[in-house]
Each structure stands twice: as C-alpha cells, then as structure tokens.
PDB file of N, CA and C in Angstrom:
ATOM      1  N   MET A   1     152.498 169.579  82.087  1.00  0.00           N
ATOM      2  CA  MET A   1     151.863 170.774  81.564  1.00  0.00           C
ATOM      3  C   MET A   1     150.405 170.847  82.017  1.00  0.00           C
ATOM      4  N   LEU A   2     149.739 169.709  82.098  1.00  0.00           N
ATOM      5  CA  LEU A   2     148.345 169.698  82.538  1.00  0.00           C
ATOM      6  C   LEU A   2     148.229 170.229  83.960  1.00  0.00           C
ATOM      7  N   ALA A   3     149.134 169.809  84.827  1.00  0.00           N
ATOM      8  CA  ALA A   3     149.111 170.284  86.213  1.00  0.00           C
ATOM      9  C   ALA A   3     149.323 171.797  86.271  1.00  0.00           C
ATOM     10  N   ASP A   4     150.222 172.308  85.437  1.00  0.00           N
ATOM     11  CA  ASP A   4     150.481 173.753  85.407  1.00  0.00           C
ATOM     12  C   ASP A   4     149.277 174.530  84.889  1.00  0.00           C
ATOM     13  N   ALA A   5     148.460 173.892  84.082  1.00  0.00           N
ATOM     14  CA  ALA A   5     147.326 174.566  83.452  1.00  0.00           C
ATOM     15  C   ALA A   5     146.032 174.449  84.257  1.00  0.00           C
ATOM     16  N   GLU A   6     146.053 173.771  85.383  1.00  0.00           N
ATOM     17  CA  GLU A   6     144.832 173.531  86.155  1.00  0.00           C
ATOM     18  C   GLU A   6     144.066 174.808  86.473  1.00  0.00           C
ATOM     19  N   ARG A   7     144.765 175.852  86.865  1.00  0.00           N
ATOM     20  CA  ARG A   7     144.102 177.109  87.220  1.00  0.00           C
ATOM     21  C   ARG A   7     143.398 177.717  86.005  1.00  0.00           C
ATOM     22  N   SER A   8     144.084 177.729  84.869  1.00  0.00           N
ATOM     23  CA  SER A   8     143.485 178.257  83.642  1.00  0.00           C
ATOM     24  C   SER A   8     142.290 177.419  83.205  1.00  0.00           C
ATOM     25  N   ILE A   9     142.405 176.109  83.346  1.00  0.00           N
ATOM     26  CA  ILE A   9     141.309 175.223  82.964  1.00  0.00           C
ATOM     27  C   ILE A   9     140.096 175.452  83.856  1.00  0.00           C
ATOM     28  N   ALA A  10     140.318 175.570  85.159  1.00  0.00           N
ATOM     29  CA  ALA A  10     139.205 175.817  86.091  1.00  0.00           C
ATOM     30  C   ALA A  10     138.537 177.158  85.786  1.00  0.00           C
ATOM     31  N   ALA A  11     139.322 178.175  85.516  1.00  0.00           N
ATOM     32  CA  ALA A  11     138.766 179.492  85.177  1.00  0.00           C
ATOM     33  C   ALA A  11     137.998 179.420  83.862  1.00  0.00           C
ATOM     34  N   PHE A  12     138.538 178.684  82.880  1.00  0.00           N
ATOM     35  CA  PHE A  12     137.866 178.519  81.596  1.00  0.00           C
ATOM     36  C   PHE A  12     136.493 177.884  81.798  1.00  0.00           C
ATOM     37  N   ILE A  13     136.422 176.824  82.588  1.00  0.00           N
ATOM     38  CA  ILE A  13     135.163 176.108  82.800  1.00  0.00           C
ATOM     39  C   ILE A  13     134.132 177.011  83.473  1.00  0.00           C
ATOM     40  N   GLU A  14     134.570 177.799  84.438  1.00  0.00           N
ATOM     41  CA  GLU A  14     133.649 178.730  85.112  1.00  0.00           C
ATOM     42  C   GLU A  14     133.147 179.799  84.143  1.00  0.00           C
ATOM     43  N   LEU A  15     134.048 180.384  83.370  1.00  0.00           N
ATOM     44  CA  LEU A  15     133.654 181.409  82.391  1.00  0.00           C
ATOM     45  C   LEU A  15     132.785 180.825  81.282  1.00  0.00           C
ATOM     46  N   ARG A  16     133.052 179.580  80.919  1.00  0.00           N
ATOM     47  CA  ARG A  16     132.265 178.933  79.870  1.00  0.00           C
ATOM     48  C   ARG A  16     130.792 178.884  80.255  1.00  0.00           C
ATOM     49  N   ALA A  17     130.506 178.625  81.517  1.00  0.00           N
ATOM     50  CA  ALA A  17     129.119 178.588  81.988  1.00  0.00           C
ATOM     51  C   ALA A  17     128.482 179.972  81.897  1.00  0.00           C
ATOM     52  N   GLU A  18     129.216 181.007  82.288  1.00  0.00           N
ATOM     53  CA  GLU A  18     128.701 182.376  82.180  1.00  0.00           C
ATOM     54  C   GLU A  18     128.446 182.738  80.728  1.00  0.00           C
ATOM     55  N   PHE A  19     129.380 182.377  79.854  1.00  0.00           N
ATOM     56  CA  PHE A  19     129.253 182.652  78.427  1.00  0.00           C
ATOM     57  C   PHE A  19     128.011 181.963  77.858  1.00  0.00           C
ATOM     58  N   ALA A  20     127.842 180.682  78.174  1.00  0.00           N
ATOM     59  CA  ALA A  20     126.706 179.919  77.653  1.00  0.00           C
ATOM     60  C   ALA A  20     125.383 180.521  78.114  1.00  0.00           C
ATOM     61  N   GLU A  21     125.318 180.916  79.369  1.00  0.00           N
ATOM     62  CA  GLU A  21     124.082 181.494  79.905  1.00  0.00           C
ATOM     63  C   GLU A  21     123.753 182.826  79.234  1.00  0.00           C
ATOM     64  N   LEU A  22     124.747 183.692  79.107  1.00  0.00           N
ATOM     65  CA  LEU A  22     124.506 184.991  78.484  1.00  0.00           C
ATOM     66  C   LEU A  22     124.163 184.818  77.005  1.00  0.00           C
ATOM     67  N   ARG A  23     124.852 183.938  76.323  1.00  0.00           N
ATOM     68  CA  ARG A  23     124.561 183.711  74.898  1.00  0.00           C
ATOM     69  C   ARG A  23     123.134 183.212  74.713  1.00  0.00           C
ATOM     70  N   TRP A  24     122.713 182.265  75.538  1.00  0.00           N
ATOM     71  CA  TRP A  24     121.346 181.731  75.441  1.00  0.00           C
ATOM     72  C   TRP A  24     120.333 182.844  75.670  1.00  0.00           C
ATOM     73  N   THR A  25     120.561 183.648  76.701  1.00  0.00           N
ATOM     74  CA  THR A  25     119.646 184.736  77.028  1.00  0.00           C
ATOM     75  C   THR A  25     119.522 185.712  75.868  1.00  0.00           C
ATOM     76  N   LEU A  26     120.648 186.091  75.284  1.00  0.00           N
ATOM     77  CA  LEU A  26     120.632 187.039  74.173  1.00  0.00           C
ATOM     78  C   LEU A  26     120.002 186.438  72.916  1.00  0.00           C
ATOM     79  N   GLU A  27     120.245 185.158  72.677  1.00  0.00           N
ATOM     80  CA  GLU A  27     119.651 184.497  71.506  1.00  0.00           C
ATOM     81  C   GLU A  27     118.133 184.386  71.610  1.00  0.00           C
ATOM     82  N   HIS A  28     117.636 184.410  72.830  1.00  0.00           N
ATOM     83  CA  HIS A  28     116.195 184.288  73.049  1.00  0.00           C
ATOM     84  C   HIS A  28     115.553 185.639  73.387  1.00  0.00           C
ATOM     85  N   ASP A  29     116.216 186.697  72.946  1.00  0.00           N
ATOM     86  CA  ASP A  29     115.683 188.059  73.084  1.00  0.00           C
ATOM     87  C   ASP A  29     115.222 188.397  74.497  1.00  0.00           C
ATOM     88  N   ARG A  30     116.038 188.003  75.429  1.00  0.00           N
ATOM     89  CA  ARG A  30     115.713 188.311  76.812  1.00  0.00           C
ATOM     90  C   ARG A  30     116.733 189.308  77.347  1.00  0.00           C
ATOM     91  N   ALA A  31     116.305 190.116  78.288  1.00  0.00           N
ATOM     92  CA  ALA A  31     117.220 191.063  78.930  1.00  0.00           C
ATOM     93  C   ALA A  31     118.072 190.295  79.935  1.00  0.00           C
ATOM     94  N   SER A  32     119.301 190.737  80.101  1.00  0.00           N
ATOM     95  CA  SER A  32     120.201 190.077  81.033  1.00  0.00           C
ATOM     96  C   SER A  32     120.891 191.105  81.905  1.00  0.00           C
ATOM     97  N   ALA A  33     120.936 190.814  83.191  1.00  0.00           N
ATOM     98  CA  ALA A  33     121.665 191.678  84.112  1.00  0.00           C
ATOM     99  C   ALA A  33     123.168 191.569  83.854  1.00  0.00           C
ATOM    100  N   SER A  34     123.580 190.513  83.122  1.00  0.00           N
ATOM    101  CA  SER A  34     124.993 190.299  82.816  1.00  0.00           C
ATOM    102  C   SER A  34     125.463 191.126  81.628  1.00  0.00           C
ATOM    103  N   GLY A  35     124.532 191.758  80.909  1.00  0.00           N
ATOM    104  CA  GLY A  35     124.927 192.616  79.808  1.00  0.00           C
ATOM    105  C   GLY A  35     124.381 192.170  78.475  1.00  0.00           C
ATOM    106  N   GLY A  36     125.065 192.630  77.421  1.00  0.00           N
ATOM    107  CA  GLY A  36     124.631 192.355  76.060  1.00  0.00           C
ATOM    108  C   GLY A  36     125.751 191.798  75.219  1.00  0.00           C
ATOM    109  N   ILE A  37     125.721 192.143  73.933  1.00  0.00           N
ATOM    110  CA  ILE A  37     126.702 191.621  72.977  1.00  0.00           C
ATOM    111  C   ILE A  37     128.135 191.988  73.380  1.00  0.00           C
ATOM    112  N   ALA A  38     128.347 193.195  73.841  1.00  0.00           N
ATOM    113  CA  ALA A  38     129.705 193.614  74.224  1.00  0.00           C
ATOM    114  C   ALA A  38     130.243 192.743  75.359  1.00  0.00           C
ATOM    115  N   GLU A  39     129.398 192.445  76.320  1.00  0.00           N
ATOM    116  CA  GLU A  39     129.832 191.606  77.443  1.00  0.00           C
ATOM    117  C   GLU A  39     130.060 190.163  76.986  1.00  0.00           C
ATOM    118  N   LEU A  40     129.240 189.711  76.036  1.00  0.00           N
ATOM    119  CA  LEU A  40     129.422 188.372  75.493  1.00  0.00           C
ATOM    120  C   LEU A  40     130.776 188.270  74.782  1.00  0.00           C
ATOM    121  N   LYS A  41     131.105 189.283  73.983  1.00  0.00           N
ATOM    122  CA  LYS A  41     132.393 189.307  73.290  1.00  0.00           C
ATOM    123  C   LYS A  41     133.552 189.381  74.286  1.00  0.00           C
ATOM    124  N   ALA A  42     133.362 190.119  75.372  1.00  0.00           N
ATOM    125  CA  ALA A  42     134.405 190.213  76.394  1.00  0.00           C
ATOM    126  C   ALA A  42     134.622 188.854  77.064  1.00  0.00           C
ATOM    127  N   LEU A  43     133.532 188.141  77.329  1.00  0.00           N
ATOM    128  CA  LEU A  43     133.659 186.800  77.907  1.00  0.00           C
ATOM    129  C   LEU A  43     134.376 185.861  76.940  1.00  0.00           C
ATOM    130  N   GLU A  44     134.055 185.977  75.673  1.00  0.00           N
ATOM    131  CA  GLU A  44     134.703 185.154  74.656  1.00  0.00           C
ATOM    132  C   GLU A  44     136.215 185.418  74.633  1.00  0.00           C
ATOM    133  N   ALA A  45     136.589 186.681  74.741  1.00  0.00           N
ATOM    134  CA  ALA A  45     138.012 187.037  74.767  1.00  0.00           C
ATOM    135  C   ALA A  45     138.688 186.487  76.018  1.00  0.00           C
ATOM    136  N   ARG A  46     137.994 186.532  77.140  1.00  0.00           N
ATOM    137  CA  ARG A  46     138.558 185.988  78.382  1.00  0.00           C
ATOM    138  C   ARG A  46     138.732 184.473  78.289  1.00  0.00           C
ATOM    139  N   LEU A  47     137.767 183.808  77.651  1.00  0.00           N
ATOM    140  CA  LEU A  47     137.889 182.358  77.446  1.00  0.00           C
ATOM    141  C   LEU A  47     139.148 182.058  76.629  1.00  0.00           C
ATOM    142  N   ASP A  48     139.334 182.810  75.572  1.00  0.00           N
ATOM    143  CA  ASP A  48     140.501 182.622  74.716  1.00  0.00           C
ATOM    144  C   ASP A  48     141.797 182.873  75.478  1.00  0.00           C
ATOM    145  N   THR A  49     141.792 183.857  76.352  1.00  0.00           N
ATOM    146  CA  THR A  49     142.973 184.182  77.156  1.00  0.00           C
ATOM    147  C   THR A  49     143.410 182.988  78.003  1.00  0.00           C
ATOM    148  N   HIS A  50     142.443 182.236  78.517  1.00  0.00           N
ATOM    149  CA  HIS A  50     142.789 181.083  79.352  1.00  0.00           C
ATOM    150  C   HIS A  50     143.307 179.905  78.535  1.00  0.00           C
ATOM    151  N   MET A  51     142.961 179.834  77.270  1.00  0.00           N
ATOM    152  CA  MET A  51     143.420 178.733  76.424  1.00  0.00           C
ATOM    153  C   MET A  51     144.694 179.067  75.657  1.00  0.00           C
ATOM    154  N   SER A  52     145.009 180.338  75.496  1.00  0.00           N
ATOM    155  CA  SER A  52     146.190 180.756  74.731  1.00  0.00           C
ATOM    156  C   SER A  52     147.497 180.126  75.213  1.00  0.00           C
ATOM    157  N   PRO A  53     147.756 180.094  76.518  1.00  0.00           N
ATOM    158  CA  PRO A  53     149.026 179.480  76.951  1.00  0.00           C
ATOM    159  C   PRO A  53     149.125 178.006  76.552  1.00  0.00           C
ATOM    160  N   LEU A  54     148.022 177.308  76.562  1.00  0.00           N
ATOM    161  CA  LEU A  54     148.049 175.904  76.145  1.00  0.00           C
ATOM    162  C   LEU A  54     148.359 175.799  74.653  1.00  0.00           C
ATOM    163  N   ARG A  55     147.652 176.594  73.855  1.00  0.00           N
ATOM    164  CA  ARG A  55     147.897 176.580  72.400  1.00  0.00           C
ATOM    165  C   ARG A  55     149.339 176.960  72.092  1.00  0.00           C
ATOM    166  N   ASP A  56     149.882 177.914  72.858  1.00  0.00           N
ATOM    167  CA  ASP A  56     151.264 178.350  72.644  1.00  0.00           C
ATOM    168  C   ASP A  56     152.260 177.208  72.857  1.00  0.00           C
ATOM    169  N   HIS A  57     151.867 176.200  73.624  1.00  0.00           N
ATOM    170  CA  HIS A  57     152.728 175.033  73.874  1.00  0.00           C
ATOM    171  C   HIS A  57     152.358 173.855  72.979  1.00  0.00           C
ATOM    172  N   GLY A  58     151.539 174.103  71.974  1.00  0.00           N
ATOM    173  CA  GLY A  58     151.210 173.054  71.013  1.00  0.00           C
ATOM    174  C   GLY A  58     150.011 172.200  71.368  1.00  0.00           C
ATOM    175  N   VAL A  59     149.361 172.510  72.482  1.00  0.00           N
ATOM    176  CA  VAL A  59     148.180 171.741  72.873  1.00  0.00           C
ATOM    177  C   VAL A  59     147.045 172.062  71.905  1.00  0.00           C
ATOM    178  N   GLN A  60     146.350 171.025  71.485  1.00  0.00           N
ATOM    179  CA  GLN A  60     145.219 171.193  70.577  1.00  0.00           C
ATOM    180  C   GLN A  60     143.920 171.148  71.382  1.00  0.00           C
ATOM    181  N   ILE A  61     143.069 172.128  71.171  1.00  0.00           N
ATOM    182  CA  ILE A  61     141.786 172.172  71.855  1.00  0.00           C
ATOM    183  C   ILE A  61     140.769 171.571  70.898  1.00  0.00           C
ATOM    184  N   LYS A  62     140.287 170.378  71.237  1.00  0.00           N
ATOM    185  CA  LYS A  62     139.409 169.635  70.337  1.00  0.00           C
ATOM    186  C   LYS A  62     137.933 169.804  70.683  1.00  0.00           C
ATOM    187  N   GLY A  63     137.644 170.246  71.889  1.00  0.00           N
ATOM    188  CA  GLY A  63     136.259 170.446  72.298  1.00  0.00           C
ATOM    189  C   GLY A  63     136.196 171.411  73.463  1.00  0.00           C
ATOM    190  N   PHE A  64     135.089 172.128  73.573  1.00  0.00           N
ATOM    191  CA  PHE A  64     134.933 173.123  74.626  1.00  0.00           C
ATOM    192  C   PHE A  64     133.950 172.695  75.706  1.00  0.00           C
ATOM    193  N   ALA A  65     133.002 171.851  75.385  1.00  0.00           N
ATOM    194  CA  ALA A  65     132.003 171.416  76.363  1.00  0.00           C
ATOM    195  C   ALA A  65     131.611 169.980  76.053  1.00  0.00           C
ATOM    196  N   PRO A  66     132.232 169.011  76.656  1.00  0.00           N
ATOM    197  CA  PRO A  66     133.290 169.134  77.646  1.00  0.00           C
ATOM    198  C   PRO A  66     134.626 169.523  77.007  1.00  0.00           C
ATOM    199  N   LEU A  67     135.489 170.079  77.817  1.00  0.00           N
ATOM    200  CA  LEU A  67     136.812 170.478  77.356  1.00  0.00           C
ATOM    201  C   LEU A  67     137.618 169.228  77.008  1.00  0.00           C
ATOM    202  N   LEU A  68     138.156 169.203  75.812  1.00  0.00           N
ATOM    203  CA  LEU A  68     138.939 168.069  75.329  1.00  0.00           C
ATOM    204  C   LEU A  68     140.257 168.607  74.787  1.00  0.00           C
ATOM    205  N   LEU A  69     141.357 168.166  75.393  1.00  0.00           N
ATOM    206  CA  LEU A  69     142.688 168.651  75.034  1.00  0.00           C
ATOM    207  C   LEU A  69     143.565 167.509  74.550  1.00  0.00           C
ATOM    208  N   ASP A  70     144.333 167.765  73.493  1.00  0.00           N
ATOM    209  CA  ASP A  70     145.311 166.805  72.975  1.00  0.00           C
ATOM    210  C   ASP A  70     146.699 167.425  73.067  1.00  0.00           C
ATOM    211  N   PHE A  71     147.627 166.679  73.680  1.00  0.00           N
ATOM    212  CA  PHE A  71     148.999 167.110  73.874  1.00  0.00           C
ATOM    213  C   PHE A  71     149.902 166.308  72.942  1.00  0.00           C
ATOM    214  N   PRO A  72     150.615 166.965  72.027  1.00  0.00           N
ATOM    215  CA  PRO A  72     151.514 166.237  71.125  1.00  0.00           C
ATOM    216  C   PRO A  72     152.589 165.492  71.917  1.00  0.00           C
ATOM    217  N   ALA A  73     152.860 164.265  71.484  1.00  0.00           N
ATOM    218  CA  ALA A  73     153.867 163.442  72.166  1.00  0.00           C
ATOM    219  C   ALA A  73     154.396 162.400  71.181  1.00  0.00           C
ATOM    220  N   THR A  74     155.395 161.669  71.639  1.00  0.00           N
ATOM    221  CA  THR A  74     155.942 160.554  70.868  1.00  0.00           C
ATOM    222  C   THR A  74     155.817 159.304  71.720  1.00  0.00           C
ATOM    223  N   ARG A  75     155.346 158.249  71.103  1.00  0.00           N
ATOM    224  CA  ARG A  75     155.196 156.967  71.805  1.00  0.00           C
ATOM    225  C   ARG A  75     155.758 155.883  70.887  1.00  0.00           C
ATOM    226  N   ASP A  76     156.757 155.170  71.375  1.00  0.00           N
ATOM    227  CA  ASP A  76     157.405 154.116  70.580  1.00  0.00           C
ATOM    228  C   ASP A  76     157.851 154.643  69.214  1.00  0.00           C
ATOM    229  N   GLY A  77     158.405 155.863  69.198  1.00  0.00           N
ATOM    230  CA  GLY A  77     158.926 156.461  67.973  1.00  0.00           C
ATOM    231  C   GLY A  77     157.866 156.995  67.014  1.00  0.00           C
ATOM    232  N   ARG A  78     156.643 157.041  67.443  1.00  0.00           N
ATOM    233  CA  ARG A  78     155.516 157.452  66.591  1.00  0.00           C
ATOM    234  C   ARG A  78     154.847 158.694  67.181  1.00  0.00           C
ATOM    235  N   SER A  79     154.456 159.627  66.321  1.00  0.00           N
ATOM    236  CA  SER A  79     153.737 160.812  66.791  1.00  0.00           C
ATOM    237  C   SER A  79     152.337 160.421  67.229  1.00  0.00           C
ATOM    238  N   VAL A  80     152.001 160.799  68.471  1.00  0.00           N
ATOM    239  CA  VAL A  80     150.680 160.512  69.028  1.00  0.00           C
ATOM    240  C   VAL A  80     150.177 161.767  69.751  1.00  0.00           C
ATOM    241  N   LEU A  81     148.973 161.695  70.229  1.00  0.00           N
ATOM    242  CA  LEU A  81     148.415 162.763  71.051  1.00  0.00           C
ATOM    243  C   LEU A  81     147.985 162.182  72.389  1.00  0.00           C
ATOM    244  N   LEU A  82     148.461 162.795  73.458  1.00  0.00           N
ATOM    245  CA  LEU A  82     147.977 162.437  74.787  1.00  0.00           C
ATOM    246  C   LEU A  82     146.661 163.180  74.968  1.00  0.00           C
ATOM    247  N   CYS A  83     145.660 162.484  75.407  1.00  0.00           N
ATOM    248  CA  CYS A  83     144.291 162.991  75.359  1.00  0.00           C
ATOM    249  C   CYS A  83     143.730 163.164  76.773  1.00  0.00           C
ATOM    250  N   TRP A  84     143.214 164.354  77.065  1.00  0.00           N
ATOM    251  CA  TRP A  84     142.590 164.639  78.359  1.00  0.00           C
ATOM    252  C   TRP A  84     141.186 165.172  78.121  1.00  0.00           C
ATOM    253  N   LEU A  85     140.222 164.594  78.826  1.00  0.00           N
ATOM    254  CA  LEU A  85     138.826 164.997  78.750  1.00  0.00           C
ATOM    255  C   LEU A  85     138.412 165.569  80.097  1.00  0.00           C
ATOM    256  N   GLU A  86     137.735 166.700  80.056  1.00  0.00           N
ATOM    257  CA  GLU A  86     137.276 167.363  81.283  1.00  0.00           C
ATOM    258  C   GLU A  86     136.672 166.347  82.246  1.00  0.00           C
ATOM    259  N   GLY A  87     137.107 166.449  83.499  1.00  0.00           N
ATOM    260  CA  GLY A  87     136.616 165.550  84.536  1.00  0.00           C
ATOM    261  C   GLY A  87     137.598 164.441  84.879  1.00  0.00           C
ATOM    262  N   GLU A  88     138.561 164.195  83.989  1.00  0.00           N
ATOM    263  CA  GLU A  88     139.551 163.166  84.278  1.00  0.00           C
ATOM    264  C   GLU A  88     140.589 163.709  85.251  1.00  0.00           C
ATOM    265  N   ALA A  89     140.998 162.881  86.188  1.00  0.00           N
ATOM    266  CA  ALA A  89     141.933 163.312  87.225  1.00  0.00           C
ATOM    267  C   ALA A  89     143.357 163.476  86.710  1.00  0.00           C
ATOM    268  N   GLU A  90     143.695 162.766  85.649  1.00  0.00           N
ATOM    269  CA  GLU A  90     145.060 162.816  85.145  1.00  0.00           C
ATOM    270  C   GLU A  90     145.077 162.573  83.638  1.00  0.00           C
ATOM    271  N   LEU A  91     146.219 162.786  83.065  1.00  0.00           N
ATOM    272  CA  LEU A  91     146.424 162.531  81.646  1.00  0.00           C
ATOM    273  C   LEU A  91     146.755 161.042  81.511  1.00  0.00           C
ATOM    274  N   ALA A  92     145.773 160.240  81.140  1.00  0.00           N
ATOM    275  CA  ALA A  92     145.946 158.792  81.168  1.00  0.00           C
ATOM    276  C   ALA A  92     145.579 158.108  79.856  1.00  0.00           C
ATOM    277  N   TRP A  93     145.371 158.890  78.795  1.00  0.00           N
ATOM    278  CA  TRP A  93     144.943 158.317  77.519  1.00  0.00           C
ATOM    279  C   TRP A  93     145.792 158.863  76.376  1.00  0.00           C
ATOM    280  N   TRP A  94     145.874 158.119  75.301  1.00  0.00           N
ATOM    281  CA  TRP A  94     146.573 158.550  74.104  1.00  0.00           C
ATOM    282  C   TRP A  94     145.820 158.018  72.887  1.00  0.00           C
ATOM    283  N   HIS A  95     146.109 158.599  71.744  1.00  0.00           N
ATOM    284  CA  HIS A  95     145.573 158.056  70.502  1.00  0.00           C
ATOM    285  C   HIS A  95     146.470 158.454  69.344  1.00  0.00           C
ATOM    286  N   PRO A  96     146.477 157.645  68.281  1.00  0.00           N
ATOM    287  CA  PRO A  96     147.241 158.010  67.098  1.00  0.00           C
ATOM    288  C   PRO A  96     146.701 159.326  66.529  1.00  0.00           C
ATOM    289  N   VAL A  97     147.578 160.130  65.992  1.00  0.00           N
ATOM    290  CA  VAL A  97     147.203 161.433  65.443  1.00  0.00           C
ATOM    291  C   VAL A  97     146.067 161.287  64.433  1.00  0.00           C
ATOM    292  N   GLU A  98     146.154 160.297  63.579  1.00  0.00           N
ATOM    293  CA  GLU A  98     145.179 160.160  62.504  1.00  0.00           C
ATOM    294  C   GLU A  98     143.826 159.609  62.951  1.00  0.00           C
ATOM    295  N   LEU A  99     143.726 159.042  64.139  1.00  0.00           N
ATOM    296  CA  LEU A  99     142.466 158.437  64.580  1.00  0.00           C
ATOM    297  C   LEU A  99     141.605 159.336  65.453  1.00  0.00           C
ATOM    298  N   GLY A 100     142.205 160.260  66.144  1.00  0.00           N
ATOM    299  CA  GLY A 100     141.410 161.088  67.045  1.00  0.00           C
ATOM    300  C   GLY A 100     140.871 160.281  68.217  1.00  0.00           C
ATOM    301  N   ILE A 101     139.881 160.838  68.883  1.00  0.00           N
ATOM    302  CA  ILE A 101     139.372 160.252  70.127  1.00  0.00           C
ATOM    303  C   ILE A 101     138.796 158.847  69.927  1.00  0.00           C
ATOM    304  N   MET A 102     138.387 158.531  68.702  1.00  0.00           N
ATOM    305  CA  MET A 102     137.857 157.188  68.430  1.00  0.00           C
ATOM    306  C   MET A 102     138.928 156.112  68.645  1.00  0.00           C
ATOM    307  N   GLY A 103     140.194 156.490  68.528  1.00  0.00           N
ATOM    308  CA  GLY A 103     141.292 155.535  68.728  1.00  0.00           C
ATOM    309  C   GLY A 103     141.924 155.642  70.101  1.00  0.00           C
ATOM    310  N   ARG A 104     141.225 156.234  71.028  1.00  0.00           N
ATOM    311  CA  ARG A 104     141.745 156.489  72.374  1.00  0.00           C
ATOM    312  C   ARG A 104     142.060 155.189  73.109  1.00  0.00           C
ATOM    313  N   ARG A 105     143.266 155.161  73.703  1.00  0.00           N
ATOM    314  CA  ARG A 105     143.722 153.993  74.461  1.00  0.00           C
ATOM    315  C   ARG A 105     144.348 154.456  75.776  1.00  0.00           C
ATOM    316  N   ARG A 106     144.263 153.625  76.785  1.00  0.00           N
ATOM    317  CA  ARG A 106     144.861 153.959  78.090  1.00  0.00           C
ATOM    318  C   ARG A 106     146.382 153.861  77.998  1.00  0.00           C
ATOM    319  N   LEU A 107     147.062 154.822  78.631  1.00  0.00           N
ATOM    320  CA  LEU A 107     148.535 154.798  78.666  1.00  0.00           C
ATOM    321  C   LEU A 107     149.023 153.602  79.450  1.00  0.00           C
TER     322      LEU A 107
END
C-alpha cells in the first residue's frame, strides 16, 4: 500500500510546504501573491484529498511534518501498527498499538 501511495505522499509533501508558507504569511499580516484565506482553505482541502485514500484503507496519520503513517497489521497473532516516517525508503518498523512510536522496533 505504501508503494501505491507514493504519488499521493509526494504531492502531499509539496502542498504541505505551500500551505505552511501561505499560513505563515497570513498569520504575520503580510500580503501574499499566493492568495488569502480562501486559497489557504483550498490548499487544506487538497492536502486532505491526498490523505483520504490512505485513511479509507485504515491507515492512521499520526503526524504531518514530518509525515508519520501507521498501517494496521497483525504480528504473531497480535494487533500492531507498521510505522513509516517521512524520508524512510521502506516500511521497516512496527510498534504495539498501545505504545505508539516510543515502542517502535525494526521488522
């Protein structure tokens, strides 16, 4: 699923930078060639559009910057989450559901 989502993830990361820049500019009462509140809301909706397919498959979005995704799975008969952090080349970590990223272990 991570491989299938690569395009959406890359688009999300690019839009996230635009969103952060426009939000900062607007919060600091500066004019922006990128627009105003309406454009900020539109960027927010586009960000959500890229994450919706992942959520629809049960993926949990735990962080946006950096992007942190948890994929529900079973390991040795126990419910766990496979954990991917932005910048990692592959899905190579897991953690118990109740521990979160603090309990992260290599697969």
